[in-house]
Amino acid sequence: MPTQITTLSENTASATHLLAEWGLSILIKADGHKILLDTGQTFSAAYNAIALGIDLAQIDKIVFSHGHFDHTGGLLHILKMVKGKAEIIAHPDIWAAKYRKLPEEKERYIGVPFLKEAAETLGATFNLTRQPVWISENIVTSGEIPMITQYEKIDPELYVKEKGELKPDPLRDDQAIFIKSPKGLAIISGCAHRGIINTIKHAQKVTGVEQVYAIIGGTHLIRASPQQLDSIIAKLLSCGVRRLGVSHCTGLPASAILAQTFGEAFFFNNAGTSISL
């Protein structure tokens, strides 16, 4: 059976009967597993699954890309649709008190918008680890992604609050899912806060596969400078990426440049988009 990747929630939607919402949720069907990367901001992923005729009852893994509200907030709605227990794979830092603060503006909480106990009451079990988790022979979570490149940085307005004090958030919890396919690696990214190129390099190291066939999801290029974007595009081209489906935090200006550069390989990966590998 081919790997099927369906986006349930994103900033935009591919049809009028689907909800669009700032955030992301991507369903992966592969190797006998149903894996959900992120759950959107509120109920859009659950609603869109019903609208698309997708049964979420048999989801066996949920992976959180990081602990921001727009990637975790829909969990309780999803859990009500899952039959039995649902294992949630995430980095321990998803429970950090995460904030966003711009200069001369009041801090705003942007972390997980529910208590862990509320999810556990609905059948969630949490597998919190910094290491990659092999879900099958071909599917693995990234675990912590090393910061290697010089041109990819964490947003300076993102913080964690510790003992009442705001400190820069290193986003160690940022992670992705890597899938080994006959055509090469497929990288499914939530936000790529630690850099899409850093994510690619880590994927190659973890899986032992050099060829990158597809990148799908958030690439966090929404605030990339022209110089940063040039460096990232050059690396993407050198990787030989054949399918580039961007979402969420990529941003329209960067998306337009990627579309021009990658031509038919490029697509907007919005709610309702479904592709096979």
C-alpha atoms as a PDB file:
ATOM      1  CA  MET A   1       0.000   0.000   0.000  1.00  0.00           C
ATOM      2  CA  PRO A   2       1.312   3.485  -0.837  1.00  0.00           C
ATOM      3  CA  THR A   3       1.879   6.048   1.869  1.00  0.00           C
ATOM      4  CA  GLN A   4      -1.083   8.452   1.994  1.00  0.00           C
ATOM      5  CA  ILE A   5      -0.648  11.934   3.456  1.00  0.00           C
ATOM      6  CA  THR A   6      -3.753  14.059   4.035  1.00  0.00           C
ATOM      7  CA  THR A   7      -3.746  17.518   5.586  1.00  0.00           C
ATOM      8  CA  LEU A   8      -6.689  17.948   7.967  1.00  0.00           C
ATOM      9  CA  SER A   9      -6.042  21.485   9.185  1.00  0.00           C
ATOM     10  CA  GLU A  10      -4.094  24.428   7.790  1.00  0.00           C
ATOM     11  CA  ASN A  11      -4.337  28.202   7.358  1.00  0.00           C
ATOM     12  CA  THR A  12      -6.200  27.735   4.067  1.00  0.00           C
ATOM     13  CA  ALA A  13      -8.558  25.089   2.695  1.00  0.00           C
ATOM     14  CA  SER A  14      -8.883  23.447  -0.716  1.00  0.00           C
ATOM     15  CA  ALA A  15     -12.699  23.369  -0.715  1.00  0.00           C
ATOM     16  CA  THR A  16     -15.547  25.512   0.614  1.00  0.00           C
ATOM     17  CA  HIS A  17     -16.923  22.736   2.845  1.00  0.00           C
ATOM     18  CA  LEU A  18     -13.666  22.605   4.843  1.00  0.00           C
ATOM     19  CA  LEU A  19     -12.546  24.842   7.696  1.00  0.00           C
ATOM     20  CA  ALA A  20      -9.350  26.882   7.508  1.00  0.00           C
ATOM     21  CA  GLU A  21      -7.575  27.843  10.710  1.00  0.00           C
ATOM     22  CA  TRP A  22      -4.104  29.079  11.661  1.00  0.00           C
ATOM     23  CA  GLY A  23      -2.286  25.886  12.579  1.00  0.00           C
ATOM     24  CA  LEU A  24      -1.551  22.456  11.167  1.00  0.00           C
ATOM     25  CA  SER A  25      -2.616  18.815  11.353  1.00  0.00           C
ATOM     26  CA  ILE A  26      -1.456  16.106   8.927  1.00  0.00           C
ATOM     27  CA  LEU A  27      -2.651  12.479   8.792  1.00  0.00           C
ATOM     28  CA  ILE A  28      -0.179   9.819   7.623  1.00  0.00           C
ATOM     29  CA  LYS A  29      -1.310   6.332   6.619  1.00  0.00           C
ATOM     30  CA  ALA A  30       1.689   4.052   6.112  1.00  0.00           C
ATOM     31  CA  ASP A  31       3.035   0.634   7.121  1.00  0.00           C
ATOM     32  CA  GLY A  32      -0.272  -0.285   8.741  1.00  0.00           C
ATOM     33  CA  HIS A  33      -0.265   2.799  10.960  1.00  0.00           C
ATOM     34  CA  LYS A  34      -2.476   5.875  11.163  1.00  0.00           C
ATOM     35  CA  ILE A  35      -0.340   8.690  12.531  1.00  0.00           C
ATOM     36  CA  LEU A  36      -1.447  12.248  13.165  1.00  0.00           C
ATOM     37  CA  LEU A  37       1.216  14.958  13.174  1.00  0.00           C
ATOM     38  CA  ASP A  38      -0.287  17.781  15.247  1.00  0.00           C
ATOM     39  CA  THR A  39      -3.959  18.466  15.882  1.00  0.00           C
ATOM     40  CA  GLY A  40      -4.554  22.039  14.702  1.00  0.00           C
ATOM     41  CA  GLN A  41      -5.578  24.959  16.882  1.00  0.00           C
ATOM     42  CA  THR A  42      -9.159  24.049  17.857  1.00  0.00           C
ATOM     43  CA  PHE A  43     -11.732  21.730  16.241  1.00  0.00           C
ATOM     44  CA  SER A  44     -10.879  22.196  12.554  1.00  0.00           C
ATOM     45  CA  ALA A  45      -8.946  18.914  12.174  1.00  0.00           C
ATOM     46  CA  ALA A  46     -11.764  16.900  13.727  1.00  0.00           C
ATOM     47  CA  TYR A  47     -14.394  18.731  11.669  1.00  0.00           C
ATOM     48  CA  ASN A  48     -12.491  18.375   8.407  1.00  0.00           C
ATOM     49  CA  ALA A  49     -11.870  14.669   8.993  1.00  0.00           C
ATOM     50  CA  ILE A  50     -15.635  14.166   9.170  1.00  0.00           C
ATOM     51  CA  ALA A  51     -16.195  16.384   6.116  1.00  0.00           C
ATOM     52  CA  LEU A  52     -13.619  14.366   4.157  1.00  0.00           C
ATOM     53  CA  GLY A  53     -15.076  11.026   5.242  1.00  0.00           C
ATOM     54  CA  ILE A  54     -11.950  10.080   7.183  1.00  0.00           C
ATOM     55  CA  ASP A  55     -12.380   7.850  10.232  1.00  0.00           C
ATOM     56  CA  LEU A  56      -9.995   8.840  13.015  1.00  0.00           C
ATOM     57  CA  ALA A  57     -11.118   6.063  15.359  1.00  0.00           C
ATOM     58  CA  GLN A  58      -8.112   3.860  14.534  1.00  0.00           C
ATOM     59  CA  ILE A  59      -5.365   6.461  14.984  1.00  0.00           C
ATOM     60  CA  ASP A  60      -2.632   4.713  16.953  1.00  0.00           C
ATOM     61  CA  LYS A  61      -0.026   7.493  17.197  1.00  0.00           C
ATOM     62  CA  ILE A  62      -0.189  11.252  17.574  1.00  0.00           C
ATOM     63  CA  VAL A  63       3.058  13.180  17.220  1.00  0.00           C
ATOM     64  CA  PHE A  64       3.383  16.758  18.453  1.00  0.00           C
ATOM     65  CA  SER A  65       5.854  18.786  16.417  1.00  0.00           C
ATOM     66  CA  HIS A  66       6.189  21.255  19.308  1.00  0.00           C
ATOM     67  CA  GLY A  67       4.233  22.730  22.179  1.00  0.00           C
ATOM     68  CA  HIS A  68       2.499  25.724  20.574  1.00  0.00           C
ATOM     69  CA  PHE A  69      -1.275  26.111  20.780  1.00  0.00           C
ATOM     70  CA  ASP A  70      -1.837  26.077  17.013  1.00  0.00           C
ATOM     71  CA  HIS A  71      -0.359  22.566  16.757  1.00  0.00           C
ATOM     72  CA  THR A  72      -1.722  21.043  19.975  1.00  0.00           C
ATOM     73  CA  GLY A  73      -5.018  22.806  20.712  1.00  0.00           C
ATOM     74  CA  GLY A  74      -7.225  20.362  18.816  1.00  0.00           C
ATOM     75  CA  LEU A  75      -6.078  17.284  20.745  1.00  0.00           C
ATOM     76  CA  LEU A  76      -9.087  16.971  23.046  1.00  0.00           C
ATOM     77  CA  HIS A  77     -11.460  17.074  20.071  1.00  0.00           C
ATOM     78  CA  ILE A  78      -9.415  14.382  18.311  1.00  0.00           C
ATOM     79  CA  LEU A  79      -9.250  12.143  21.372  1.00  0.00           C
ATOM     80  CA  LYS A  80     -13.042  12.046  21.545  1.00  0.00           C
ATOM     81  CA  MET A  81     -12.986  10.439  18.080  1.00  0.00           C
ATOM     82  CA  VAL A  82     -10.262   7.876  18.802  1.00  0.00           C
ATOM     83  CA  LYS A  83     -11.272   4.378  19.832  1.00  0.00           C
ATOM     84  CA  GLY A  84      -9.226   3.240  22.818  1.00  0.00           C
ATOM     85  CA  LYS A  85      -5.876   4.651  23.925  1.00  0.00           C
ATOM     86  CA  ALA A  86      -3.824   7.036  21.812  1.00  0.00           C
ATOM     87  CA  GLU A  87      -0.067   7.259  22.282  1.00  0.00           C
ATOM     88  CA  ILE A  88       1.237  10.803  21.972  1.00  0.00           C
ATOM     89  CA  ILE A  89       4.912  11.075  21.074  1.00  0.00           C
ATOM     90  CA  ALA A  90       6.481  14.404  21.967  1.00  0.00           C
ATOM     91  CA  HIS A  91       9.496  16.108  23.463  1.00  0.00           C
ATOM     92  CA  PRO A  92       9.281  16.806  27.232  1.00  0.00           C
ATOM     93  CA  ASP A  93       9.496  20.556  26.547  1.00  0.00           C
ATOM     94  CA  ILE A  94       5.984  20.636  25.044  1.00  0.00           C
ATOM     95  CA  TRP A  95       4.781  21.377  28.585  1.00  0.00           C
ATOM     96  CA  ALA A  96       7.048  24.408  29.012  1.00  0.00           C
ATOM     97  CA  ALA A  97       5.264  27.728  29.625  1.00  0.00           C
ATOM     98  CA  LYS A  98       5.673  29.200  26.143  1.00  0.00           C
ATOM     99  CA  TYR A  99       5.140  32.897  25.364  1.00  0.00           C
ATOM    100  CA  ARG A 100       5.471  35.333  22.497  1.00  0.00           C
ATOM    101  CA  LYS A 101       6.496  38.905  23.181  1.00  0.00           C
ATOM    102  CA  LEU A 102       7.179  41.636  20.677  1.00  0.00           C
ATOM    103  CA  PRO A 103       8.938  44.862  21.677  1.00  0.00           C
ATOM    104  CA  GLU A 104       6.640  47.257  23.536  1.00  0.00           C
ATOM    105  CA  GLU A 105       3.846  44.673  23.595  1.00  0.00           C
ATOM    106  CA  LYS A 106       2.470  42.586  26.425  1.00  0.00           C
ATOM    107  CA  GLU A 107       3.560  38.958  26.592  1.00  0.00           C
ATOM    108  CA  ARG A 108       1.058  36.412  25.237  1.00  0.00           C
ATOM    109  CA  TYR A 109       0.807  32.759  26.251  1.00  0.00           C
ATOM    110  CA  ILE A 110       1.124  30.476  23.211  1.00  0.00           C
ATOM    111  CA  GLY A 111       1.689  27.073  24.820  1.00  0.00           C
ATOM    112  CA  VAL A 112      -0.485  23.975  25.086  1.00  0.00           C
ATOM    113  CA  PRO A 113      -3.987  25.241  25.972  1.00  0.00           C
ATOM    114  CA  PHE A 114      -5.085  22.352  28.206  1.00  0.00           C
ATOM    115  CA  LEU A 115      -3.817  20.365  31.160  1.00  0.00           C
ATOM    116  CA  LYS A 116      -2.072  17.047  30.634  1.00  0.00           C
ATOM    117  CA  GLU A 117      -4.611  15.417  32.932  1.00  0.00           C
ATOM    118  CA  ALA A 118      -7.478  16.506  30.657  1.00  0.00           C
ATOM    119  CA  ALA A 119      -5.917  14.597  27.748  1.00  0.00           C
ATOM    120  CA  GLU A 120      -5.160  11.552  29.884  1.00  0.00           C
ATOM    121  CA  THR A 121      -8.784  11.448  31.027  1.00  0.00           C
ATOM    122  CA  LEU A 122      -9.757  11.071  27.356  1.00  0.00           C
ATOM    123  CA  GLY A 123      -7.358   8.164  26.809  1.00  0.00           C
ATOM    124  CA  ALA A 124      -4.053   9.828  25.941  1.00  0.00           C
ATOM    125  CA  THR A 125      -0.760   8.294  27.020  1.00  0.00           C
ATOM    126  CA  PHE A 126       2.339  10.444  26.651  1.00  0.00           C
ATOM    127  CA  ASN A 127       5.666   9.130  25.408  1.00  0.00           C
ATOM    128  CA  LEU A 128       7.935  12.089  26.172  1.00  0.00           C
ATOM    129  CA  THR A 129      11.426  11.667  24.791  1.00  0.00           C
ATOM    130  CA  ARG A 130      14.283  13.672  23.284  1.00  0.00           C
ATOM    131  CA  GLN A 131      15.280  10.757  21.072  1.00  0.00           C
ATOM    132  CA  PRO A 132      13.909   9.607  17.696  1.00  0.00           C
ATOM    133  CA  VAL A 133      11.109   7.053  17.969  1.00  0.00           C
ATOM    134  CA  TRP A 134      10.850   4.386  15.261  1.00  0.00           C
ATOM    135  CA  ILE A 135       7.139   3.812  14.687  1.00  0.00           C
ATOM    136  CA  SER A 136       7.827   1.235  11.981  1.00  0.00           C
ATOM    137  CA  GLU A 137      10.804   0.097   9.919  1.00  0.00           C
ATOM    138  CA  ASN A 138      10.270   3.105   7.629  1.00  0.00           C
ATOM    139  CA  ILE A 139       8.757   5.792   9.869  1.00  0.00           C
ATOM    140  CA  VAL A 140      10.619   7.665  12.589  1.00  0.00           C
ATOM    141  CA  THR A 141      10.182  10.855  14.592  1.00  0.00           C
ATOM    142  CA  SER A 142      13.116  13.214  14.547  1.00  0.00           C
ATOM    143  CA  GLY A 143      13.633  13.756  18.245  1.00  0.00           C
ATOM    144  CA  GLU A 144      15.720  16.864  18.960  1.00  0.00           C
ATOM    145  CA  ILE A 145      17.042  18.515  15.806  1.00  0.00           C
ATOM    146  CA  PRO A 146      20.584  19.943  16.093  1.00  0.00           C
ATOM    147  CA  MET A 147      21.136  23.564  15.029  1.00  0.00           C
ATOM    148  CA  ILE A 148      23.929  23.237  12.445  1.00  0.00           C
ATOM    149  CA  THR A 149      23.467  25.887   9.760  1.00  0.00           C
ATOM    150  CA  GLN A 150      24.590  29.475  10.309  1.00  0.00           C
ATOM    151  CA  TYR A 151      21.570  31.030   8.567  1.00  0.00           C
ATOM    152  CA  GLU A 152      18.701  29.363  10.475  1.00  0.00           C
ATOM    153  CA  LYS A 153      17.770  30.935  13.815  1.00  0.00           C
ATOM    154  CA  ILE A 154      15.019  30.675  16.420  1.00  0.00           C
ATOM    155  CA  ASP A 155      12.590  33.612  16.375  1.00  0.00           C
ATOM    156  CA  PRO A 156      13.756  36.130  19.004  1.00  0.00           C
ATOM    157  CA  GLU A 157      10.196  36.912  20.143  1.00  0.00           C
ATOM    158  CA  LEU A 158       9.611  33.347  21.401  1.00  0.00           C
ATOM    159  CA  TYR A 159      10.145  32.727  25.109  1.00  0.00           C
ATOM    160  CA  VAL A 160       9.597  30.287  27.929  1.00  0.00           C
ATOM    161  CA  LYS A 161       8.697  31.467  31.392  1.00  0.00           C
ATOM    162  CA  GLU A 162      10.746  29.985  34.220  1.00  0.00           C
ATOM    163  CA  LYS A 163      10.176  31.100  37.811  1.00  0.00           C
ATOM    164  CA  GLY A 164       8.283  34.142  36.544  1.00  0.00           C
ATOM    165  CA  GLU A 165      11.057  35.232  34.161  1.00  0.00           C
ATOM    166  CA  LEU A 166      10.941  35.161  30.362  1.00  0.00           C
ATOM    167  CA  LYS A 167      13.906  33.432  28.734  1.00  0.00           C
ATOM    168  CA  PRO A 168      14.554  32.772  25.003  1.00  0.00           C
ATOM    169  CA  ASP A 169      12.900  29.540  23.905  1.00  0.00           C
ATOM    170  CA  PRO A 170      15.400  27.257  22.117  1.00  0.00           C
ATOM    171  CA  LEU A 171      12.451  25.229  20.759  1.00  0.00           C
ATOM    172  CA  ARG A 172      14.209  21.961  21.531  1.00  0.00           C
ATOM    173  CA  ASP A 173      10.781  20.337  21.243  1.00  0.00           C
ATOM    174  CA  ASP A 174      10.571  21.171  17.520  1.00  0.00           C
ATOM    175  CA  GLN A 175      10.478  17.920  15.568  1.00  0.00           C
ATOM    176  CA  ALA A 176       9.241  16.262  12.376  1.00  0.00           C
ATOM    177  CA  ILE A 177       8.398  12.833  10.967  1.00  0.00           C
ATOM    178  CA  PHE A 178      10.700  11.081   8.484  1.00  0.00           C
ATOM    179  CA  ILE A 179       9.418   8.411   6.090  1.00  0.00           C
ATOM    180  CA  LYS A 180      11.663   6.165   4.010  1.00  0.00           C
ATOM    181  CA  SER A 181      10.060   5.519   0.625  1.00  0.00           C
ATOM    182  CA  PRO A 182      11.332   3.807  -2.548  1.00  0.00           C
ATOM    183  CA  LYS A 183      11.791   7.274  -4.085  1.00  0.00           C
ATOM    184  CA  GLY A 184      13.700   8.711  -1.134  1.00  0.00           C
ATOM    185  CA  LEU A 185      12.919  10.495   2.111  1.00  0.00           C
ATOM    186  CA  ALA A 186       9.629  12.210   2.832  1.00  0.00           C
ATOM    187  CA  ILE A 187       9.932  14.825   5.563  1.00  0.00           C
ATOM    188  CA  ILE A 188       6.671  15.866   7.232  1.00  0.00           C
ATOM    189  CA  SER A 189       7.256  19.073   9.158  1.00  0.00           C
ATOM    190  CA  GLY A 190       5.096  20.906  11.665  1.00  0.00           C
ATOM    191  CA  CYS A 191       6.855  24.282  11.761  1.00  0.00           C
ATOM    192  CA  ALA A 192      10.604  23.675  11.357  1.00  0.00           C
ATOM    193  CA  HIS A 193      11.371  26.261  14.028  1.00  0.00           C
ATOM    194  CA  ARG A 194      14.902  24.848  14.211  1.00  0.00           C
ATOM    195  CA  GLY A 195      15.332  25.221  10.455  1.00  0.00           C
ATOM    196  CA  ILE A 196      14.108  23.195   7.501  1.00  0.00           C
ATOM    197  CA  ILE A 197      17.687  22.562   6.335  1.00  0.00           C
ATOM    198  CA  ASN A 198      18.715  21.471   9.830  1.00  0.00           C
ATOM    199  CA  THR A 199      15.693  19.168   9.735  1.00  0.00           C
ATOM    200  CA  ILE A 200      16.774  17.692   6.389  1.00  0.00           C
ATOM    201  CA  LYS A 201      20.353  17.120   7.583  1.00  0.00           C
ATOM    202  CA  HIS A 202      19.048  15.397  10.707  1.00  0.00           C
ATOM    203  CA  ALA A 203      16.647  13.257   8.662  1.00  0.00           C
ATOM    204  CA  GLN A 204      19.514  12.042   6.483  1.00  0.00           C
ATOM    205  CA  LYS A 205      21.588  11.177   9.546  1.00  0.00           C
ATOM    206  CA  VAL A 206      18.802   9.393  11.442  1.00  0.00           C
ATOM    207  CA  THR A 207      17.553   7.343   8.487  1.00  0.00           C
ATOM    208  CA  GLY A 208      20.791   6.841   6.564  1.00  0.00           C
ATOM    209  CA  VAL A 209      18.986   7.965   3.388  1.00  0.00           C
ATOM    210  CA  GLU A 210      20.513  10.870   1.446  1.00  0.00           C
ATOM    211  CA  GLN A 211      17.939  11.361  -1.313  1.00  0.00           C
ATOM    212  CA  VAL A 212      15.111  13.722  -0.270  1.00  0.00           C
ATOM    213  CA  TYR A 213      12.023  13.108  -2.370  1.00  0.00           C
ATOM    214  CA  ALA A 214       9.336  15.176  -0.608  1.00  0.00           C
ATOM    215  CA  ILE A 215       9.033  17.932   1.984  1.00  0.00           C
ATOM    216  CA  ILE A 216       5.522  18.581   3.252  1.00  0.00           C
ATOM    217  CA  GLY A 217       4.306  20.991   5.923  1.00  0.00           C
ATOM    218  CA  GLY A 218       5.514  24.111   7.676  1.00  0.00           C
ATOM    219  CA  THR A 219       8.948  25.473   6.773  1.00  0.00           C
ATOM    220  CA  HIS A 220       8.963  28.649   8.902  1.00  0.00           C
ATOM    221  CA  LEU A 221      10.158  30.960   6.153  1.00  0.00           C
ATOM    222  CA  ILE A 222       7.557  33.610   6.971  1.00  0.00           C
ATOM    223  CA  ARG A 223      10.233  35.987   8.301  1.00  0.00           C
ATOM    224  CA  ALA A 224      13.229  34.750   6.310  1.00  0.00           C
ATOM    225  CA  SER A 225      15.483  37.445   4.895  1.00  0.00           C
ATOM    226  CA  PRO A 226      16.312  37.343   1.166  1.00  0.00           C
ATOM    227  CA  GLN A 227      19.781  36.071   2.048  1.00  0.00           C
ATOM    228  CA  GLN A 228      18.379  33.307   4.270  1.00  0.00           C
ATOM    229  CA  LEU A 229      15.886  32.294   1.610  1.00  0.00           C
ATOM    230  CA  ASP A 230      18.601  32.141  -1.051  1.00  0.00           C
ATOM    231  CA  SER A 231      20.714  29.846   1.127  1.00  0.00           C
ATOM    232  CA  ILE A 232      17.770  27.588   1.944  1.00  0.00           C
ATOM    233  CA  ILE A 233      16.611  27.343  -1.686  1.00  0.00           C
ATOM    234  CA  ALA A 234      20.136  26.484  -2.831  1.00  0.00           C
ATOM    235  CA  LYS A 235      20.262  23.615  -0.333  1.00  0.00           C
ATOM    236  CA  LEU A 236      16.773  22.383  -1.269  1.00  0.00           C
ATOM    237  CA  LEU A 237      17.822  22.316  -4.919  1.00  0.00           C
ATOM    238  CA  SER A 238      21.000  20.425  -4.091  1.00  0.00           C
ATOM    239  CA  CYS A 239      18.924  17.810  -2.233  1.00  0.00           C
ATOM    240  CA  GLY A 240      16.982  17.084  -5.426  1.00  0.00           C
ATOM    241  CA  VAL A 241      13.553  17.620  -3.834  1.00  0.00           C
ATOM    242  CA  ARG A 242      10.853  16.381  -6.238  1.00  0.00           C
ATOM    243  CA  ARG A 243       7.726  17.366  -4.282  1.00  0.00           C
ATOM    244  CA  LEU A 244       7.542  20.492  -2.124  1.00  0.00           C
ATOM    245  CA  GLY A 245       4.200  21.053  -0.408  1.00  0.00           C
ATOM    246  CA  VAL A 246       4.404  24.036   1.924  1.00  0.00           C
ATOM    247  CA  SER A 247       1.987  24.974   4.678  1.00  0.00           C
ATOM    248  CA  HIS A 248       1.191  27.265   7.563  1.00  0.00           C
ATOM    249  CA  CYS A 249       4.282  29.267   8.624  1.00  0.00           C
ATOM    250  CA  THR A 250       5.984  29.287   5.220  1.00  0.00           C
ATOM    251  CA  GLY A 251       4.362  32.620   4.349  1.00  0.00           C
ATOM    252  CA  LEU A 252       3.010  33.731   0.968  1.00  0.00           C
ATOM    253  CA  PRO A 253       6.065  35.763  -0.197  1.00  0.00           C
ATOM    254  CA  ALA A 254       8.412  32.820   0.394  1.00  0.00           C
ATOM    255  CA  SER A 255       5.851  30.421  -1.087  1.00  0.00           C
ATOM    256  CA  ALA A 256       5.686  32.495  -4.276  1.00  0.00           C
ATOM    257  CA  ILE A 257       9.473  32.356  -4.675  1.00  0.00           C
ATOM    258  CA  LEU A 258       9.497  28.602  -4.000  1.00  0.00           C
ATOM    259  CA  ALA A 259       6.729  28.126  -6.579  1.00  0.00           C
ATOM    260  CA  GLN A 260       8.749  30.000  -9.194  1.00  0.00           C
ATOM    261  CA  THR A 261      11.887  28.038  -8.374  1.00  0.00           C
ATOM    262  CA  PHE A 262      10.453  24.525  -8.135  1.00  0.00           C
ATOM    263  CA  GLY A 263       7.718  24.758 -10.762  1.00  0.00           C
ATOM    264  CA  GLU A 264       5.597  21.602 -11.018  1.00  0.00           C
ATOM    265  CA  ALA A 265       7.263  20.111  -7.938  1.00  0.00           C
ATOM    266  CA  PHE A 266       5.679  22.843  -5.792  1.00  0.00           C
ATOM    267  CA  PHE A 267       2.175  22.802  -4.304  1.00  0.00           C
ATOM    268  CA  PHE A 268       0.286  24.530  -1.530  1.00  0.00           C
ATOM    269  CA  ASN A 269      -0.358  21.899   1.105  1.00  0.00           C
ATOM    270  CA  ASN A 270      -3.596  23.165   2.593  1.00  0.00           C
ATOM    271  CA  ALA A 271      -6.539  21.529   4.382  1.00  0.00           C
ATOM    272  CA  GLY A 272      -7.975  18.825   2.144  1.00  0.00           C
ATOM    273  CA  THR A 273      -4.765  18.183   0.192  1.00  0.00           C
ATOM    274  CA  SER A 274      -4.009  14.462  -0.125  1.00  0.00           C
ATOM    275  CA  ILE A 275      -1.003  12.909  -1.846  1.00  0.00           C
ATOM    276  CA  SER A 276       0.421   9.408  -2.245  1.00  0.00           C
ATOM    277  CA  LEU A 277       4.094   8.493  -2.101  1.00  0.00           C
END
